[in-house]
Amino acid sequence: MKLHERVKYIREQKRISQESVAHELGMSQSQYSRRESGEVNFLAEEIGILSKALDTKVSEIYGEQPNIFNNHNQKGGNFGYHITIPEKLIEQYELRLKEKDELIKLLKDRLG
């Protein structure tokens, strides 16, 4: 399931209107509808707001599934969790880091 499909699914399961989520994101319902249909991609900074608006974890929005494994050799319990991070989330994170570095360079150049 793609990101926009998961967002729509979660929103519908929680019976939250597009208008309500759009309001939280500071956009019109039609702008939000284009994101939810996959016509326009969600921005990384919108995911955190979506998480709050949909009352869900970011990991659920990205479709992360915890892998449970036996942890017999450690004290404190028999199970542990390993969260796999989707490649798309890593790509968006790296893109934001690159944008930050470019902005810092631009500002340093302006200061002389």
N, C-alpha and C. Protein backbone atom coordinates (compact mmCIF):
# COMPACT_ATOMS: atom_id res chain seq x y z
N MET A 1 0.85 -1.17 0.00
CA MET A 1 0.00 0.00 0.00
C MET A 1 0.90 1.24 0.00
N LYS A 2 0.59 2.18 -0.87
CA LYS A 2 1.36 3.42 -0.96
C LYS A 2 1.00 4.36 0.18
N LEU A 3 1.88 5.34 0.41
CA LEU A 3 1.70 6.28 1.51
C LEU A 3 0.32 6.95 1.47
N HIS A 4 -0.04 7.51 0.32
CA HIS A 4 -1.32 8.21 0.24
C HIS A 4 -2.51 7.27 0.48
N GLU A 5 -2.37 6.02 0.07
CA GLU A 5 -3.43 5.04 0.30
C GLU A 5 -3.55 4.70 1.79
N ARG A 6 -2.41 4.59 2.48
CA ARG A 6 -2.43 4.32 3.92
C ARG A 6 -3.06 5.48 4.68
N VAL A 7 -2.70 6.70 4.28
CA VAL A 7 -3.26 7.88 4.95
C VAL A 7 -4.78 7.88 4.79
N LYS A 8 -5.25 7.65 3.58
CA LYS A 8 -6.70 7.62 3.34
C LYS A 8 -7.35 6.51 4.14
N TYR A 9 -6.74 5.34 4.15
CA TYR A 9 -7.29 4.20 4.88
C TYR A 9 -7.41 4.52 6.38
N ILE A 10 -6.33 5.06 6.95
CA ILE A 10 -6.33 5.39 8.38
C ILE A 10 -7.41 6.43 8.67
N ARG A 11 -7.46 7.48 7.83
CA ARG A 11 -8.45 8.54 8.03
C ARG A 11 -9.87 7.97 7.98
N GLU A 12 -10.14 7.14 7.01
CA GLU A 12 -11.49 6.58 6.87
C GLU A 12 -11.82 5.64 8.04
N GLN A 13 -10.85 4.86 8.48
CA GLN A 13 -11.07 3.95 9.61
C GLN A 13 -11.42 4.72 10.88
N LYS A 14 -10.82 5.90 11.02
CA LYS A 14 -11.06 6.71 12.21
C LYS A 14 -12.22 7.68 12.02
N ARG A 15 -12.84 7.61 10.85
CA ARG A 15 -14.01 8.45 10.52
C ARG A 15 -13.72 9.94 10.71
N ILE A 16 -12.59 10.36 10.16
CA ILE A 16 -12.18 11.76 10.20
C ILE A 16 -12.37 12.32 8.79
N SER A 17 -12.92 13.49 8.68
CA SER A 17 -13.18 14.08 7.37
C SER A 17 -11.91 14.64 6.74
N GLN A 18 -11.92 14.73 5.43
CA GLN A 18 -10.82 15.37 4.71
C GLN A 18 -10.72 16.83 5.14
N GLU A 19 -11.84 17.47 5.35
CA GLU A 19 -11.85 18.88 5.73
C GLU A 19 -11.11 19.09 7.06
N SER A 20 -11.34 18.18 7.99
CA SER A 20 -10.69 18.28 9.30
C SER A 20 -9.17 18.14 9.18
N VAL A 21 -8.73 17.16 8.42
CA VAL A 21 -7.29 16.95 8.26
C VAL A 21 -6.68 18.12 7.48
N ALA A 22 -7.38 18.57 6.44
CA ALA A 22 -6.89 19.70 5.64
C ALA A 22 -6.72 20.93 6.51
N HIS A 23 -7.67 21.17 7.40
CA HIS A 23 -7.59 22.31 8.32
C HIS A 23 -6.33 22.22 9.19
N GLU A 24 -6.05 21.03 9.71
CA GLU A 24 -4.85 20.83 10.54
C GLU A 24 -3.58 21.10 9.75
N LEU A 25 -3.60 20.78 8.46
CA LEU A 25 -2.43 20.99 7.60
C LEU A 25 -2.36 22.41 7.05
N GLY A 26 -3.40 23.20 7.31
CA GLY A 26 -3.42 24.58 6.84
C GLY A 26 -3.63 24.71 5.34
N MET A 27 -4.47 23.83 4.80
CA MET A 27 -4.73 23.87 3.35
C MET A 27 -6.22 23.63 3.11
N SER A 28 -6.63 23.82 1.88
CA SER A 28 -8.04 23.58 1.52
C SER A 28 -8.29 22.07 1.39
N GLN A 29 -9.55 21.72 1.43
CA GLN A 29 -9.92 20.31 1.28
C GLN A 29 -9.49 19.79 -0.08
N SER A 30 -9.59 20.61 -1.12
CA SER A 30 -9.20 20.15 -2.46
C SER A 30 -7.69 19.93 -2.56
N GLN A 31 -6.90 20.78 -1.89
CA GLN A 31 -5.45 20.55 -1.87
C GLN A 31 -5.12 19.24 -1.16
N TYR A 32 -5.81 19.00 -0.05
CA TYR A 32 -5.58 17.77 0.70
C TYR A 32 -6.03 16.56 -0.12
N SER A 33 -7.16 16.67 -0.78
CA SER A 33 -7.69 15.58 -1.59
C SER A 33 -6.69 15.14 -2.66
N ARG A 34 -5.99 16.10 -3.27
CA ARG A 34 -4.98 15.76 -4.28
C ARG A 34 -3.83 14.98 -3.67
N ARG A 35 -3.48 15.27 -2.43
CA ARG A 35 -2.42 14.50 -1.75
C ARG A 35 -2.91 13.08 -1.45
N GLU A 36 -4.11 12.99 -0.94
CA GLU A 36 -4.65 11.69 -0.55
C GLU A 36 -4.91 10.79 -1.76
N SER A 37 -5.14 11.39 -2.92
CA SER A 37 -5.36 10.60 -4.14
C SER A 37 -4.03 10.22 -4.80
N GLY A 38 -2.92 10.79 -4.32
CA GLY A 38 -1.62 10.47 -4.89
C GLY A 38 -1.21 11.41 -6.01
N GLU A 39 -2.06 12.37 -6.32
CA GLU A 39 -1.77 13.34 -7.37
C GLU A 39 -0.60 14.25 -6.96
N VAL A 40 -0.55 14.60 -5.68
CA VAL A 40 0.53 15.42 -5.11
C VAL A 40 1.09 14.65 -3.92
N ASN A 41 2.41 14.62 -3.79
CA ASN A 41 3.03 13.90 -2.67
C ASN A 41 2.92 14.69 -1.37
N PHE A 42 2.77 13.96 -0.27
CA PHE A 42 2.84 14.59 1.04
C PHE A 42 4.28 15.04 1.28
N LEU A 43 4.45 16.20 1.89
CA LEU A 43 5.78 16.67 2.27
C LEU A 43 6.16 16.04 3.60
N ALA A 44 7.45 15.89 3.82
CA ALA A 44 7.93 15.26 5.05
C ALA A 44 7.40 15.98 6.28
N GLU A 45 7.36 17.32 6.24
CA GLU A 45 6.90 18.07 7.42
C GLU A 45 5.40 17.90 7.65
N GLU A 46 4.67 17.48 6.63
CA GLU A 46 3.23 17.25 6.79
C GLU A 46 2.94 15.94 7.51
N ILE A 47 3.87 15.01 7.48
CA ILE A 47 3.64 13.69 8.08
C ILE A 47 3.46 13.80 9.59
N GLY A 48 4.25 14.62 10.25
CA GLY A 48 4.09 14.81 11.69
C GLY A 48 2.75 15.40 12.04
N ILE A 49 2.29 16.36 11.25
CA ILE A 49 0.98 16.97 11.47
C ILE A 49 -0.12 15.94 11.22
N LEU A 50 0.05 15.15 10.15
CA LEU A 50 -0.92 14.09 9.86
C LEU A 50 -1.02 13.11 11.01
N SER A 51 0.12 12.76 11.57
CA SER A 51 0.16 11.82 12.69
C SER A 51 -0.72 12.32 13.84
N LYS A 52 -0.61 13.60 14.15
CA LYS A 52 -1.42 14.17 15.23
C LYS A 52 -2.88 14.27 14.82
N ALA A 53 -3.14 14.72 13.60
CA ALA A 53 -4.52 14.89 13.13
C ALA A 53 -5.26 13.55 13.07
N LEU A 54 -4.52 12.48 12.73
CA LEU A 54 -5.13 11.16 12.63
C LEU A 54 -4.98 10.35 13.91
N ASP A 55 -4.35 10.95 14.91
CA ASP A 55 -4.13 10.29 16.20
C ASP A 55 -3.49 8.91 16.00
N THR A 56 -2.38 8.90 15.28
CA THR A 56 -1.67 7.67 14.99
C THR A 56 -0.17 7.92 14.98
N LYS A 57 0.61 6.88 15.00
CA LYS A 57 2.06 7.02 14.98
C LYS A 57 2.55 7.24 13.55
N VAL A 58 3.65 7.96 13.42
CA VAL A 58 4.26 8.17 12.11
C VAL A 58 4.61 6.82 11.49
N SER A 59 5.08 5.90 12.32
CA SER A 59 5.45 4.57 11.81
C SER A 59 4.26 3.86 11.17
N GLU A 60 3.05 4.08 11.70
CA GLU A 60 1.86 3.47 11.10
C GLU A 60 1.56 4.11 9.76
N ILE A 61 1.74 5.42 9.67
CA ILE A 61 1.51 6.11 8.40
C ILE A 61 2.45 5.57 7.32
N TYR A 62 3.70 5.31 7.70
CA TYR A 62 4.67 4.78 6.74
C TYR A 62 4.57 3.27 6.57
N GLY A 63 3.69 2.64 7.34
CA GLY A 63 3.49 1.20 7.17
C GLY A 63 4.56 0.34 7.77
N GLU A 64 5.26 0.86 8.78
CA GLU A 64 6.30 0.06 9.42
C GLU A 64 5.67 -1.04 10.24
N GLN A 65 6.27 -2.19 10.19
CA GLN A 65 5.81 -3.33 10.97
C GLN A 65 6.93 -3.75 11.91
N PRO A 66 6.65 -3.83 13.21
CA PRO A 66 7.70 -4.30 14.11
C PRO A 66 7.96 -5.78 13.90
N ASN A 67 9.23 -6.16 13.91
CA ASN A 67 9.61 -7.56 13.84
C ASN A 67 9.91 -8.02 15.25
N ILE A 68 9.17 -9.01 15.74
CA ILE A 68 9.38 -9.51 17.09
C ILE A 68 10.38 -10.66 17.02
N PHE A 69 11.34 -10.65 17.91
CA PHE A 69 12.34 -11.71 17.94
C PHE A 69 12.58 -12.13 19.37
N ASN A 70 13.00 -13.38 19.54
CA ASN A 70 13.31 -13.89 20.88
C ASN A 70 14.55 -13.20 21.41
N ASN A 71 14.54 -12.94 22.68
CA ASN A 71 15.60 -12.18 23.33
C ASN A 71 15.98 -12.89 24.63
N HIS A 72 16.14 -14.22 24.58
CA HIS A 72 16.35 -15.02 25.77
C HIS A 72 17.64 -14.71 26.51
N ASN A 73 18.64 -14.20 25.82
CA ASN A 73 19.95 -14.00 26.45
C ASN A 73 20.06 -12.71 27.24
N GLN A 74 19.02 -11.90 27.24
CA GLN A 74 19.07 -10.64 27.96
C GLN A 74 18.05 -10.64 29.08
N LYS A 75 18.37 -9.95 30.14
CA LYS A 75 17.45 -9.84 31.27
C LYS A 75 16.31 -8.90 30.93
N GLY A 76 15.19 -9.10 31.58
CA GLY A 76 14.10 -8.14 31.45
C GLY A 76 13.01 -8.55 30.51
N GLY A 77 13.04 -9.77 29.99
CA GLY A 77 11.93 -10.19 29.14
C GLY A 77 12.36 -11.14 28.06
N ASN A 78 11.39 -11.68 27.40
CA ASN A 78 11.65 -12.67 26.36
C ASN A 78 11.54 -12.13 24.94
N PHE A 79 11.03 -10.92 24.80
CA PHE A 79 10.83 -10.40 23.46
C PHE A 79 11.46 -9.03 23.30
N GLY A 80 11.82 -8.72 22.08
CA GLY A 80 12.33 -7.40 21.72
C GLY A 80 11.69 -6.98 20.42
N TYR A 81 11.94 -5.77 20.03
CA TYR A 81 11.36 -5.26 18.79
C TYR A 81 12.46 -4.70 17.92
N HIS A 82 12.28 -4.87 16.64
CA HIS A 82 13.18 -4.29 15.66
C HIS A 82 12.28 -3.60 14.64
N ILE A 83 12.42 -2.31 14.51
CA ILE A 83 11.59 -1.55 13.57
C ILE A 83 12.38 -1.33 12.28
N THR A 84 11.79 -1.73 11.17
CA THR A 84 12.43 -1.47 9.89
C THR A 84 11.93 -0.12 9.38
N ILE A 85 12.85 0.69 8.89
CA ILE A 85 12.51 2.02 8.41
C ILE A 85 12.37 1.95 6.89
N PRO A 86 11.23 2.35 6.37
CA PRO A 86 11.02 2.30 4.92
C PRO A 86 12.05 3.16 4.18
N GLU A 87 12.43 2.69 3.03
CA GLU A 87 13.42 3.38 2.20
C GLU A 87 12.97 4.80 1.86
N LYS A 88 11.68 5.00 1.64
CA LYS A 88 11.15 6.33 1.30
C LYS A 88 11.39 7.33 2.43
N LEU A 89 11.23 6.89 3.67
CA LEU A 89 11.47 7.76 4.82
C LEU A 89 12.94 8.15 4.89
N ILE A 90 13.81 7.21 4.63
CA ILE A 90 15.25 7.49 4.63
C ILE A 90 15.59 8.48 3.53
N GLU A 91 15.02 8.29 2.35
CA GLU A 91 15.26 9.21 1.23
C GLU A 91 14.81 10.62 1.58
N GLN A 92 13.62 10.76 2.19
CA GLN A 92 13.12 12.08 2.55
C GLN A 92 14.01 12.73 3.61
N TYR A 93 14.48 11.95 4.56
CA TYR A 93 15.37 12.46 5.60
C TYR A 93 16.66 12.97 4.98
N GLU A 94 17.25 12.18 4.08
CA GLU A 94 18.49 12.59 3.44
C GLU A 94 18.29 13.83 2.57
N LEU A 95 17.15 13.94 1.91
CA LEU A 95 16.84 15.13 1.12
C LEU A 95 16.75 16.36 2.01
N ARG A 96 16.09 16.23 3.16
CA ARG A 96 15.99 17.37 4.09
C ARG A 96 17.36 17.78 4.61
N LEU A 97 18.23 16.83 4.89
CA LEU A 97 19.59 17.15 5.34
C LEU A 97 20.35 17.91 4.24
N LYS A 98 20.20 17.47 3.00
CA LYS A 98 20.86 18.14 1.89
C LYS A 98 20.33 19.58 1.75
N GLU A 99 19.01 19.76 1.85
CA GLU A 99 18.42 21.09 1.77
C GLU A 99 18.93 21.99 2.89
N LYS A 100 19.06 21.44 4.09
CA LYS A 100 19.57 22.19 5.24
C LYS A 100 21.00 22.64 4.97
N ASP A 101 21.84 21.74 4.48
CA ASP A 101 23.23 22.08 4.19
C ASP A 101 23.34 23.17 3.12
N GLU A 102 22.50 23.08 2.09
CA GLU A 102 22.50 24.09 1.03
C GLU A 102 22.06 25.45 1.57
N LEU A 103 21.07 25.46 2.45
CA LEU A 103 20.59 26.71 3.04
C LEU A 103 21.67 27.33 3.93
N ILE A 104 22.35 26.52 4.70
CA ILE A 104 23.44 27.03 5.56
C ILE A 104 24.54 27.64 4.69
N LYS A 105 24.90 26.96 3.61
CA LYS A 105 25.94 27.48 2.71
C LYS A 105 25.49 28.81 2.11
N LEU A 106 24.23 28.89 1.67
CA LEU A 106 23.71 30.12 1.07
C LEU A 106 23.77 31.26 2.08
N LEU A 107 23.36 31.01 3.31
CA LEU A 107 23.36 32.06 4.33
C LEU A 107 24.78 32.49 4.68
N LYS A 108 25.70 31.54 4.74
CA LYS A 108 27.11 31.90 5.02
C LYS A 108 27.67 32.75 3.89
N ASP A 109 27.32 32.40 2.65
CA ASP A 109 27.80 33.19 1.49
C ASP A 109 27.25 34.62 1.55
N ARG A 110 26.00 34.78 1.96
CA ARG A 110 25.40 36.11 2.05
C ARG A 110 26.06 36.96 3.14
N LEU A 111 26.46 36.29 4.22
CA LEU A 111 27.10 37.02 5.32
C LEU A 111 28.53 37.44 4.97
N GLY A 112 29.10 36.78 3.99
CA GLY A 112 30.42 37.18 3.52
C GLY A 112 31.49 36.44 4.15
